[in-house]
Amino acid sequence: MATANLTDGMGKSVGMARVEQTGTVMRLVAEVSGLSTGDHGIHLHTTGKCEAPAFASAGGHLNPSSHQHGSMNPAGPHLGDLPNVAVGADGKGALSFVLTGSAAELAASLLDADGTAVVVHASADDYKTDPSGNSGGRIACGVLNRPA
């Protein structure tokens, strides 16, 4: 349905993310490489813009339901919340996560007029601290685009 090439603050490719649809289920799949070992927060952000090096242009987390951040937050989660991506000693990691909501609602949110960015953070998401899970700086970013 949509793909994003993830690049770091220097413009180097560090992976990809894609949104796949099977029937009414939509899943975000991401693969990263060249990152530091450990867990990294990864989120969907409101604006499909990735201006390096800080990627602030991606805006805040995608949150059409106006919930707070985190699956462990009683007032959360929101659409931009994803599980951490675990990066091994080889610098590689992968994530596959079923997005919550109907396919029509998800497509409308992800592929709206200003687009959506996938952002990888320097640290692990704690799944509860609003607004960003205390996941540190933005170290990689990619804009979700429909395939040509």
N, C-alpha and C. Protein backbone atom coordinates (compact mmCIF):
# COMPACT_ATOMS: atom_id res chain seq x y z
N MET A 1 0.82 -1.20 0.00
CA MET A 1 0.00 0.00 0.00
C MET A 1 0.86 1.26 0.00
N ALA A 2 1.95 1.25 0.82
CA ALA A 2 2.84 2.40 0.87
C ALA A 2 4.21 1.94 1.37
N THR A 3 5.25 2.63 0.91
CA THR A 3 6.61 2.30 1.33
C THR A 3 7.36 3.57 1.70
N ALA A 4 8.39 3.41 2.54
CA ALA A 4 9.24 4.53 2.93
C ALA A 4 10.68 4.05 2.99
N ASN A 5 11.58 4.80 2.38
CA ASN A 5 13.01 4.54 2.51
C ASN A 5 13.49 5.33 3.71
N LEU A 6 14.08 4.65 4.69
CA LEU A 6 14.55 5.30 5.91
C LEU A 6 16.00 5.74 5.73
N THR A 7 16.27 7.00 6.02
CA THR A 7 17.63 7.53 5.93
C THR A 7 18.01 8.19 7.25
N ASP A 8 19.31 8.19 7.54
CA ASP A 8 19.78 8.83 8.76
C ASP A 8 20.01 10.32 8.50
N GLY A 9 20.50 11.03 9.51
CA GLY A 9 20.71 12.47 9.42
C GLY A 9 21.73 12.90 8.38
N MET A 10 22.56 11.97 7.92
CA MET A 10 23.56 12.25 6.89
C MET A 10 23.07 11.84 5.50
N GLY A 11 21.83 11.33 5.41
CA GLY A 11 21.27 10.93 4.12
C GLY A 11 21.58 9.50 3.72
N LYS A 12 22.20 8.73 4.63
CA LYS A 12 22.54 7.33 4.34
C LYS A 12 21.32 6.44 4.56
N SER A 13 21.08 5.52 3.65
CA SER A 13 19.97 4.58 3.78
C SER A 13 20.22 3.65 4.96
N VAL A 14 19.23 3.55 5.85
CA VAL A 14 19.34 2.66 7.00
C VAL A 14 18.17 1.68 7.08
N GLY A 15 17.39 1.60 6.00
CA GLY A 15 16.32 0.61 6.00
C GLY A 15 15.11 1.05 5.21
N MET A 16 14.02 0.33 5.47
CA MET A 16 12.77 0.61 4.79
C MET A 16 11.61 0.27 5.71
N ALA A 17 10.47 0.85 5.38
CA ALA A 17 9.23 0.52 6.07
C ALA A 17 8.14 0.44 5.01
N ARG A 18 7.16 -0.38 5.27
CA ARG A 18 6.04 -0.47 4.32
C ARG A 18 4.77 -0.79 5.08
N VAL A 19 3.67 -0.36 4.52
CA VAL A 19 2.35 -0.69 5.04
C VAL A 19 1.74 -1.66 4.05
N GLU A 20 1.37 -2.83 4.57
CA GLU A 20 0.77 -3.87 3.75
C GLU A 20 -0.68 -4.06 4.16
N GLN A 21 -1.52 -4.37 3.20
CA GLN A 21 -2.92 -4.64 3.50
C GLN A 21 -3.26 -6.04 3.02
N THR A 22 -3.83 -6.84 3.93
CA THR A 22 -4.34 -8.16 3.60
C THR A 22 -5.78 -8.19 4.05
N GLY A 23 -6.70 -8.13 3.11
CA GLY A 23 -8.11 -8.04 3.47
C GLY A 23 -8.36 -6.73 4.20
N THR A 24 -8.86 -6.84 5.42
CA THR A 24 -9.16 -5.63 6.21
C THR A 24 -8.04 -5.31 7.21
N VAL A 25 -6.98 -6.11 7.21
CA VAL A 25 -5.88 -5.92 8.16
C VAL A 25 -4.74 -5.15 7.51
N MET A 26 -4.26 -4.14 8.21
CA MET A 26 -3.10 -3.38 7.74
C MET A 26 -1.96 -3.56 8.74
N ARG A 27 -0.78 -3.77 8.20
CA ARG A 27 0.40 -4.05 9.00
C ARG A 27 1.54 -3.14 8.57
N LEU A 28 2.31 -2.64 9.56
CA LEU A 28 3.53 -1.91 9.27
C LEU A 28 4.69 -2.89 9.44
N VAL A 29 5.52 -2.98 8.42
CA VAL A 29 6.72 -3.82 8.44
C VAL A 29 7.91 -2.90 8.25
N ALA A 30 8.91 -3.04 9.10
CA ALA A 30 10.12 -2.22 8.98
C ALA A 30 11.35 -3.09 9.13
N GLU A 31 12.38 -2.75 8.38
CA GLU A 31 13.69 -3.40 8.48
C GLU A 31 14.73 -2.29 8.53
N VAL A 32 15.63 -2.39 9.51
CA VAL A 32 16.68 -1.37 9.66
C VAL A 32 18.04 -2.03 9.68
N SER A 33 19.07 -1.25 9.35
CA SER A 33 20.44 -1.74 9.42
C SER A 33 21.36 -0.55 9.71
N GLY A 34 22.53 -0.86 10.26
CA GLY A 34 23.50 0.19 10.55
C GLY A 34 23.17 1.02 11.78
N LEU A 35 22.29 0.53 12.64
CA LEU A 35 21.92 1.26 13.85
C LEU A 35 22.63 0.65 15.06
N SER A 36 22.66 1.40 16.16
CA SER A 36 23.30 0.90 17.38
C SER A 36 22.46 -0.23 17.98
N THR A 37 23.15 -1.14 18.64
CA THR A 37 22.50 -2.29 19.28
C THR A 37 21.53 -1.82 20.35
N GLY A 38 20.39 -2.51 20.44
CA GLY A 38 19.40 -2.21 21.47
C GLY A 38 18.05 -1.87 20.86
N ASP A 39 17.12 -1.53 21.72
CA ASP A 39 15.77 -1.17 21.29
C ASP A 39 15.71 0.30 20.90
N HIS A 40 14.98 0.56 19.82
CA HIS A 40 14.78 1.92 19.32
C HIS A 40 13.28 2.16 19.14
N GLY A 41 12.80 3.30 19.64
CA GLY A 41 11.43 3.68 19.37
C GLY A 41 11.26 3.92 17.89
N ILE A 42 10.10 3.56 17.37
CA ILE A 42 9.76 3.83 15.98
C ILE A 42 8.29 4.23 15.97
N HIS A 43 7.99 5.31 15.28
CA HIS A 43 6.63 5.86 15.32
C HIS A 43 6.21 6.38 13.95
N LEU A 44 4.89 6.49 13.79
CA LEU A 44 4.31 7.18 12.64
C LEU A 44 4.13 8.64 13.04
N HIS A 45 4.61 9.55 12.20
CA HIS A 45 4.52 10.98 12.50
C HIS A 45 3.59 11.68 11.51
N THR A 46 3.04 12.82 11.94
CA THR A 46 1.93 13.48 11.24
C THR A 46 2.23 14.04 9.86
N THR A 47 3.48 14.33 9.57
CA THR A 47 3.77 15.02 8.32
C THR A 47 4.81 14.25 7.51
N GLY A 48 4.50 14.03 6.25
CA GLY A 48 5.41 13.31 5.36
C GLY A 48 6.54 14.19 4.88
N LYS A 49 7.40 14.59 5.81
CA LYS A 49 8.53 15.45 5.49
C LYS A 49 9.68 15.05 6.40
N CYS A 50 10.85 14.79 5.82
CA CYS A 50 12.01 14.32 6.59
C CYS A 50 13.23 15.19 6.30
N GLU A 51 13.27 16.36 6.90
CA GLU A 51 14.41 17.26 6.71
C GLU A 51 15.48 16.95 7.74
N ALA A 52 16.63 16.47 7.24
CA ALA A 52 17.75 16.11 8.11
C ALA A 52 18.42 17.38 8.64
N PRO A 53 19.13 17.31 9.73
CA PRO A 53 19.46 16.08 10.44
C PRO A 53 18.51 15.73 11.59
N ALA A 54 17.67 16.66 12.05
CA ALA A 54 16.85 16.42 13.25
C ALA A 54 15.47 15.85 12.94
N PHE A 55 15.02 15.95 11.70
CA PHE A 55 13.73 15.42 11.26
C PHE A 55 12.54 16.02 12.01
N ALA A 56 12.70 17.23 12.55
CA ALA A 56 11.59 17.90 13.23
C ALA A 56 10.44 18.18 12.28
N SER A 57 10.74 18.26 10.99
CA SER A 57 9.72 18.53 9.97
C SER A 57 8.64 17.45 9.92
N ALA A 58 8.90 16.28 10.49
CA ALA A 58 7.91 15.19 10.49
C ALA A 58 6.79 15.45 11.49
N GLY A 59 6.92 16.48 12.31
CA GLY A 59 5.87 16.80 13.27
C GLY A 59 5.80 15.81 14.41
N GLY A 60 4.69 15.84 15.14
CA GLY A 60 4.47 14.93 16.26
C GLY A 60 3.94 13.59 15.80
N HIS A 61 3.59 12.77 16.75
CA HIS A 61 3.07 11.44 16.41
C HIS A 61 1.70 11.52 15.77
N LEU A 62 1.44 10.62 14.85
CA LEU A 62 0.14 10.54 14.17
C LEU A 62 -0.90 10.13 15.21
N ASN A 63 -1.86 11.01 15.45
CA ASN A 63 -2.79 10.81 16.56
C ASN A 63 -4.18 11.33 16.23
N PRO A 64 -4.84 10.75 15.21
CA PRO A 64 -6.16 11.25 14.83
C PRO A 64 -7.23 11.06 15.91
N SER A 65 -7.00 10.15 16.85
CA SER A 65 -7.98 9.87 17.90
C SER A 65 -7.76 10.72 19.16
N SER A 66 -6.72 11.56 19.17
CA SER A 66 -6.39 12.44 20.29
C SER A 66 -6.17 11.70 21.61
N HIS A 67 -5.56 10.53 21.53
CA HIS A 67 -5.18 9.79 22.74
C HIS A 67 -3.78 10.23 23.18
N GLN A 68 -3.39 9.81 24.38
CA GLN A 68 -2.02 10.05 24.82
C GLN A 68 -1.14 8.93 24.27
N HIS A 69 0.18 9.10 24.46
CA HIS A 69 1.14 8.15 23.91
C HIS A 69 1.27 6.91 24.78
N GLY A 70 1.33 5.76 24.14
CA GLY A 70 1.78 4.55 24.79
C GLY A 70 0.74 3.50 25.09
N SER A 71 1.10 2.27 24.80
CA SER A 71 0.21 1.13 25.07
C SER A 71 0.08 0.86 26.57
N MET A 72 1.00 1.36 27.39
CA MET A 72 0.92 1.19 28.84
C MET A 72 0.35 2.43 29.53
N ASN A 73 -0.07 3.41 28.74
CA ASN A 73 -0.67 4.64 29.26
C ASN A 73 -2.18 4.43 29.28
N PRO A 74 -2.86 4.62 30.42
CA PRO A 74 -4.31 4.41 30.46
C PRO A 74 -5.08 5.29 29.48
N ALA A 75 -4.50 6.42 29.05
CA ALA A 75 -5.16 7.31 28.11
C ALA A 75 -4.65 7.10 26.68
N GLY A 76 -3.93 6.01 26.44
CA GLY A 76 -3.37 5.71 25.12
C GLY A 76 -3.91 4.40 24.63
N PRO A 77 -3.40 3.90 23.58
CA PRO A 77 -2.39 4.46 22.69
C PRO A 77 -3.02 5.23 21.54
N HIS A 78 -2.16 5.77 20.68
CA HIS A 78 -2.64 6.42 19.47
C HIS A 78 -2.06 5.72 18.25
N LEU A 79 -2.50 6.11 17.06
CA LEU A 79 -2.11 5.43 15.83
C LEU A 79 -0.61 5.43 15.58
N GLY A 80 0.08 6.48 15.99
CA GLY A 80 1.52 6.57 15.76
C GLY A 80 2.36 5.65 16.62
N ASP A 81 1.77 5.07 17.67
CA ASP A 81 2.49 4.18 18.57
C ASP A 81 2.78 2.84 17.91
N LEU A 82 4.03 2.44 17.98
CA LEU A 82 4.46 1.14 17.47
C LEU A 82 5.38 0.51 18.51
N PRO A 83 5.57 -0.81 18.45
CA PRO A 83 6.54 -1.43 19.36
C PRO A 83 7.96 -1.00 18.99
N ASN A 84 8.87 -1.11 19.93
CA ASN A 84 10.28 -0.83 19.65
C ASN A 84 10.80 -1.81 18.60
N VAL A 85 11.78 -1.36 17.84
CA VAL A 85 12.48 -2.26 16.93
C VAL A 85 13.78 -2.65 17.64
N ALA A 86 13.99 -3.96 17.79
CA ALA A 86 15.18 -4.48 18.46
C ALA A 86 16.29 -4.64 17.44
N VAL A 87 17.42 -3.99 17.69
CA VAL A 87 18.57 -4.05 16.79
C VAL A 87 19.64 -4.92 17.43
N GLY A 88 20.08 -5.93 16.68
CA GLY A 88 21.08 -6.86 17.18
C GLY A 88 22.49 -6.32 17.05
N ALA A 89 23.46 -7.14 17.49
CA ALA A 89 24.88 -6.76 17.44
C ALA A 89 25.35 -6.49 16.03
N ASP A 90 24.65 -7.07 15.03
CA ASP A 90 25.00 -6.84 13.62
C ASP A 90 24.44 -5.54 13.08
N GLY A 91 23.73 -4.78 13.93
CA GLY A 91 23.16 -3.50 13.51
C GLY A 91 21.85 -3.61 12.78
N LYS A 92 21.28 -4.82 12.71
CA LYS A 92 20.04 -5.05 11.97
C LYS A 92 18.87 -5.33 12.92
N GLY A 93 17.70 -4.91 12.48
CA GLY A 93 16.48 -5.16 13.24
C GLY A 93 15.28 -5.18 12.32
N ALA A 94 14.19 -5.78 12.79
CA ALA A 94 12.97 -5.86 12.01
C ALA A 94 11.76 -5.78 12.93
N LEU A 95 10.67 -5.32 12.37
CA LEU A 95 9.42 -5.15 13.11
C LEU A 95 8.27 -5.44 12.18
N SER A 96 7.25 -6.12 12.70
CA SER A 96 6.01 -6.32 11.98
C SER A 96 4.89 -6.12 12.98
N PHE A 97 3.96 -5.18 12.70
CA PHE A 97 2.95 -4.81 13.68
C PHE A 97 1.62 -4.52 12.99
N VAL A 98 0.55 -5.13 13.49
CA VAL A 98 -0.79 -4.89 12.95
C VAL A 98 -1.30 -3.56 13.49
N LEU A 99 -1.67 -2.67 12.58
CA LEU A 99 -2.20 -1.36 12.95
C LEU A 99 -3.65 -1.48 13.36
N THR A 100 -4.07 -0.70 14.33
CA THR A 100 -5.42 -0.75 14.85
C THR A 100 -6.32 0.21 14.09
N GLY A 101 -7.47 -0.30 13.66
CA GLY A 101 -8.45 0.52 12.96
C GLY A 101 -8.86 -0.12 11.65
N SER A 102 -9.90 0.41 11.05
CA SER A 102 -10.36 -0.13 9.77
C SER A 102 -9.40 0.29 8.67
N ALA A 103 -9.35 -0.51 7.62
CA ALA A 103 -8.45 -0.21 6.51
C ALA A 103 -8.76 1.17 5.92
N ALA A 104 -10.03 1.52 5.80
CA ALA A 104 -10.41 2.82 5.23
C ALA A 104 -9.92 3.97 6.11
N GLU A 105 -10.11 3.85 7.42
CA GLU A 105 -9.67 4.90 8.35
C GLU A 105 -8.15 5.03 8.35
N LEU A 106 -7.47 3.89 8.35
CA LEU A 106 -6.01 3.91 8.35
C LEU A 106 -5.46 4.53 7.07
N ALA A 107 -6.02 4.14 5.94
CA ALA A 107 -5.56 4.69 4.66
C ALA A 107 -5.77 6.21 4.64
N ALA A 108 -6.92 6.66 5.13
CA ALA A 108 -7.21 8.09 5.16
C ALA A 108 -6.21 8.84 6.04
N SER A 109 -5.82 8.26 7.16
CA SER A 109 -4.87 8.92 8.07
C SER A 109 -3.44 8.87 7.54
N LEU A 110 -3.04 7.71 7.02
CA LEU A 110 -1.66 7.53 6.58
C LEU A 110 -1.35 8.24 5.27
N LEU A 111 -2.33 8.31 4.39
CA LEU A 111 -2.10 8.86 3.05
C LEU A 111 -2.87 10.15 2.83
N ASP A 112 -2.98 10.97 3.87
CA ASP A 112 -3.68 12.24 3.74
C ASP A 112 -2.84 13.24 2.95
N ALA A 113 -3.33 14.45 2.80
CA ALA A 113 -2.70 15.44 1.93
C ALA A 113 -1.25 15.77 2.30
N ASP A 114 -0.93 15.80 3.61
CA ASP A 114 0.45 16.14 3.99
C ASP A 114 1.30 14.90 4.28
N GLY A 115 0.76 13.72 4.07
CA GLY A 115 1.53 12.49 4.18
C GLY A 115 1.85 12.08 5.60
N THR A 116 2.63 11.01 5.72
CA THR A 116 3.03 10.45 7.01
C THR A 116 4.49 10.04 6.93
N ALA A 117 5.22 10.28 8.01
CA ALA A 117 6.62 9.86 8.09
C ALA A 117 6.75 8.72 9.09
N VAL A 118 7.72 7.84 8.84
CA VAL A 118 8.12 6.81 9.78
C VAL A 118 9.44 7.30 10.37
N VAL A 119 9.49 7.43 11.70
CA VAL A 119 10.67 7.97 12.36
C VAL A 119 11.23 6.94 13.35
N VAL A 120 12.55 6.74 13.29
CA VAL A 120 13.24 5.88 14.24
C VAL A 120 13.96 6.79 15.23
N HIS A 121 13.88 6.44 16.52
CA HIS A 121 14.45 7.24 17.59
C HIS A 121 15.71 6.59 18.17
N ALA A 122 16.50 7.37 18.88
CA ALA A 122 17.78 6.93 19.42
C ALA A 122 17.64 5.92 20.55
N SER A 123 16.57 6.00 21.32
CA SER A 123 16.40 5.17 22.51
C SER A 123 15.09 4.38 22.43
N ALA A 124 14.93 3.49 23.39
CA ALA A 124 13.71 2.69 23.46
C ALA A 124 12.53 3.54 23.91
N ASP A 125 11.35 3.21 23.40
CA ASP A 125 10.09 3.82 23.82
C ASP A 125 9.69 3.14 25.13
N ASP A 126 9.29 3.92 26.14
CA ASP A 126 8.85 3.32 27.41
C ASP A 126 7.36 2.97 27.40
N TYR A 127 6.68 3.25 26.31
CA TYR A 127 5.26 2.90 26.10
C TYR A 127 4.29 3.62 27.03
N LYS A 128 4.73 4.68 27.72
CA LYS A 128 3.80 5.34 28.63
C LYS A 128 3.96 6.85 28.73
N THR A 129 5.14 7.39 28.48
CA THR A 129 5.37 8.83 28.65
C THR A 129 4.83 9.59 27.44
N ASP A 130 3.92 10.51 27.71
CA ASP A 130 3.34 11.34 26.65
C ASP A 130 4.22 12.57 26.46
N PRO A 131 4.58 12.99 25.27
CA PRO A 131 4.00 12.59 23.99
C PRO A 131 4.84 11.61 23.17
N SER A 132 6.05 11.25 23.61
CA SER A 132 6.91 10.49 22.70
C SER A 132 7.51 9.21 23.28
N GLY A 133 7.09 8.81 24.46
CA GLY A 133 7.62 7.58 25.03
C GLY A 133 9.03 7.71 25.54
N ASN A 134 9.51 8.97 25.71
CA ASN A 134 10.86 9.20 26.23
C ASN A 134 11.90 8.47 25.37
N SER A 135 11.69 8.47 24.06
CA SER A 135 12.50 7.66 23.16
C SER A 135 13.68 8.40 22.52
N GLY A 136 13.96 9.60 22.96
CA GLY A 136 15.16 10.30 22.51
C GLY A 136 15.03 10.93 21.15
N GLY A 137 16.18 11.37 20.63
CA GLY A 137 16.23 12.09 19.36
C GLY A 137 15.82 11.23 18.17
N ARG A 138 15.53 11.91 17.10
CA ARG A 138 15.14 11.25 15.85
C ARG A 138 16.40 10.96 15.05
N ILE A 139 16.65 9.68 14.76
CA ILE A 139 17.89 9.31 14.09
C ILE A 139 17.70 8.83 12.66
N ALA A 140 16.47 8.55 12.27
CA ALA A 140 16.19 8.14 10.88
C ALA A 140 14.74 8.48 10.55
N CYS A 141 14.49 8.69 9.26
CA CYS A 141 13.15 9.10 8.84
C CYS A 141 12.91 8.69 7.40
N GLY A 142 11.66 8.39 7.10
CA GLY A 142 11.25 8.10 5.73
C GLY A 142 9.80 8.46 5.54
N VAL A 143 9.44 8.90 4.35
CA VAL A 143 8.08 9.31 4.03
C VAL A 143 7.34 8.15 3.35
N LEU A 144 6.17 7.81 3.85
CA LEU A 144 5.35 6.77 3.23
C LEU A 144 4.78 7.28 1.92
N ASN A 145 5.02 6.54 0.85
CA ASN A 145 4.51 6.88 -0.48
C ASN A 145 3.83 5.67 -1.09
N ARG A 146 2.77 5.93 -1.84
CA ARG A 146 2.13 4.84 -2.58
C ARG A 146 3.06 4.39 -3.70
N PRO A 147 3.08 3.09 -3.98
CA PRO A 147 3.92 2.62 -5.10
C PRO A 147 3.44 3.22 -6.42
N ALA A 148 4.37 3.45 -7.32
CA ALA A 148 4.03 4.04 -8.62
C ALA A 148 3.30 3.05 -9.50
